[in-house]
Amino acid sequence: MKLFATRTPLLSFALAAVAPFAAYADEAKPVAQPVREVLTGNIGKRVAVRIESQDIEGTVAAVGADTVLLTRISGKDFYDSVVVIAKISAITYKAR
């Protein structure tokens, strides 16, 4: 009986420590979304796209069938970019 009484507080402590992480795991995460869907979800927001070995950071203005229009390119005043979606290897964006 004493063995059960000493382990009960440890078990409740372990469950209380894991509960916040379980709630975080239930959040929807964009794990395997196609590139076009990620870009469409970020229209009007800043993103960085990686094309081969170059990163281009700008605001997503429009997403077409094969291309995306990035405006307000960082480091290049007065320039926009049209990027072929098939050439994008990674997208960095603010998720929270």
Protein backbone atom coordinates (compact mmCIF):
# COMPACT_ATOMS: atom_id res chain seq x y z
CA MET A 1 0.00 0.00 0.00
CA LYS A 2 2.84 2.44 0.79
CA LEU A 3 4.41 1.80 -2.59
CA PHE A 4 1.25 2.93 -4.39
CA ALA A 5 0.94 6.00 -2.18
CA THR A 6 4.47 7.19 -3.01
CA ARG A 7 4.13 6.68 -6.75
CA THR A 8 0.78 8.43 -7.15
CA PRO A 9 2.23 11.95 -6.71
CA LEU A 10 5.01 11.15 -9.19
CA LEU A 11 2.48 9.93 -11.75
CA SER A 12 0.32 13.03 -11.37
CA PHE A 13 3.41 15.25 -11.69
CA ALA A 14 4.45 13.46 -14.89
CA LEU A 15 0.98 13.86 -16.40
CA ALA A 16 0.90 17.55 -15.49
CA ALA A 17 4.30 18.07 -17.13
CA VAL A 18 3.26 16.40 -20.39
CA ALA A 19 -0.17 18.07 -20.73
CA PRO A 20 1.06 21.38 -22.25
CA PHE A 21 3.01 19.53 -24.92
CA ALA A 22 -0.01 17.39 -25.81
CA ALA A 23 -2.07 20.54 -26.41
CA TYR A 24 0.68 21.92 -28.67
CA ALA A 25 0.75 18.69 -30.69
CA ASP A 26 -2.94 19.09 -31.58
CA GLU A 27 -2.33 22.35 -33.48
CA ALA A 28 -2.58 22.09 -37.25
CA LYS A 29 0.84 22.33 -38.86
CA PRO A 30 1.47 22.88 -42.57
CA VAL A 31 3.66 19.81 -42.97
CA ALA A 32 3.18 18.71 -46.56
CA GLN A 33 1.36 21.53 -48.28
CA PRO A 34 2.17 22.17 -51.93
CA VAL A 35 4.25 25.28 -52.65
CA ARG A 36 1.35 26.99 -54.45
CA GLU A 37 -0.95 26.56 -51.42
CA VAL A 38 1.65 28.00 -49.05
CA LEU A 39 2.17 31.01 -51.31
CA THR A 40 -1.59 31.53 -51.77
CA GLY A 41 -2.04 31.46 -48.00
CA ASN A 42 0.59 34.17 -47.64
CA ILE A 43 -0.69 36.71 -50.18
CA GLY A 44 0.09 40.19 -48.83
CA LYS A 45 2.72 38.84 -46.41
CA ARG A 46 6.52 38.78 -46.51
CA VAL A 47 8.17 35.51 -47.51
CA ALA A 48 11.62 34.37 -48.54
CA VAL A 49 11.83 31.85 -51.37
CA ARG A 50 14.93 29.83 -52.16
CA ILE A 51 15.72 29.34 -55.82
CA GLU A 52 18.77 27.16 -56.39
CA SER A 53 21.29 28.83 -54.05
CA GLN A 54 19.70 32.29 -53.88
CA ASP A 55 17.09 33.63 -51.46
CA ILE A 56 14.63 36.27 -52.63
CA GLU A 57 12.61 38.03 -49.92
CA GLY A 58 9.53 40.02 -50.79
CA THR A 59 5.77 40.39 -50.40
CA VAL A 60 3.56 37.88 -52.21
CA ALA A 61 1.32 39.96 -54.51
CA ALA A 62 -0.22 37.29 -56.75
CA VAL A 63 0.02 33.56 -57.36
CA GLY A 64 -0.60 32.22 -60.85
CA ALA A 65 -0.67 28.72 -62.30
CA ASP A 66 3.10 28.52 -62.74
CA THR A 67 4.52 31.75 -61.28
CA VAL A 68 4.37 33.96 -58.21
CA LEU A 69 4.79 37.75 -58.16
CA LEU A 70 6.94 39.06 -55.32
CA THR A 71 6.88 42.83 -54.74
CA ARG A 72 8.95 45.08 -52.46
CA ILE A 73 12.06 42.91 -52.83
CA SER A 74 14.41 43.41 -49.89
CA GLY A 75 17.61 45.20 -50.80
CA LYS A 76 16.34 46.24 -54.25
CA ASP A 77 14.26 49.39 -54.35
CA PHE A 78 11.81 49.71 -57.24
CA TYR A 79 12.07 46.03 -58.23
CA ASP A 80 9.58 43.15 -58.35
CA SER A 81 10.23 39.49 -59.15
CA VAL A 82 8.27 36.89 -61.06
CA VAL A 83 9.39 33.48 -59.83
CA VAL A 84 8.64 30.11 -61.43
CA ILE A 85 6.98 27.98 -58.75
CA ALA A 86 8.60 24.77 -59.98
CA LYS A 87 12.06 26.26 -59.28
CA ILE A 88 11.30 27.06 -55.60
CA SER A 89 13.02 24.64 -53.23
CA ALA A 90 12.04 26.26 -49.90
CA ILE A 91 9.79 28.98 -48.49
CA THR A 92 10.41 30.82 -45.24
CA TYR A 93 7.47 32.71 -43.75
CA LYS A 94 6.19 33.89 -40.39
CA ALA A 95 3.77 31.23 -39.12
CA ARG A 96 2.79 32.71 -35.76
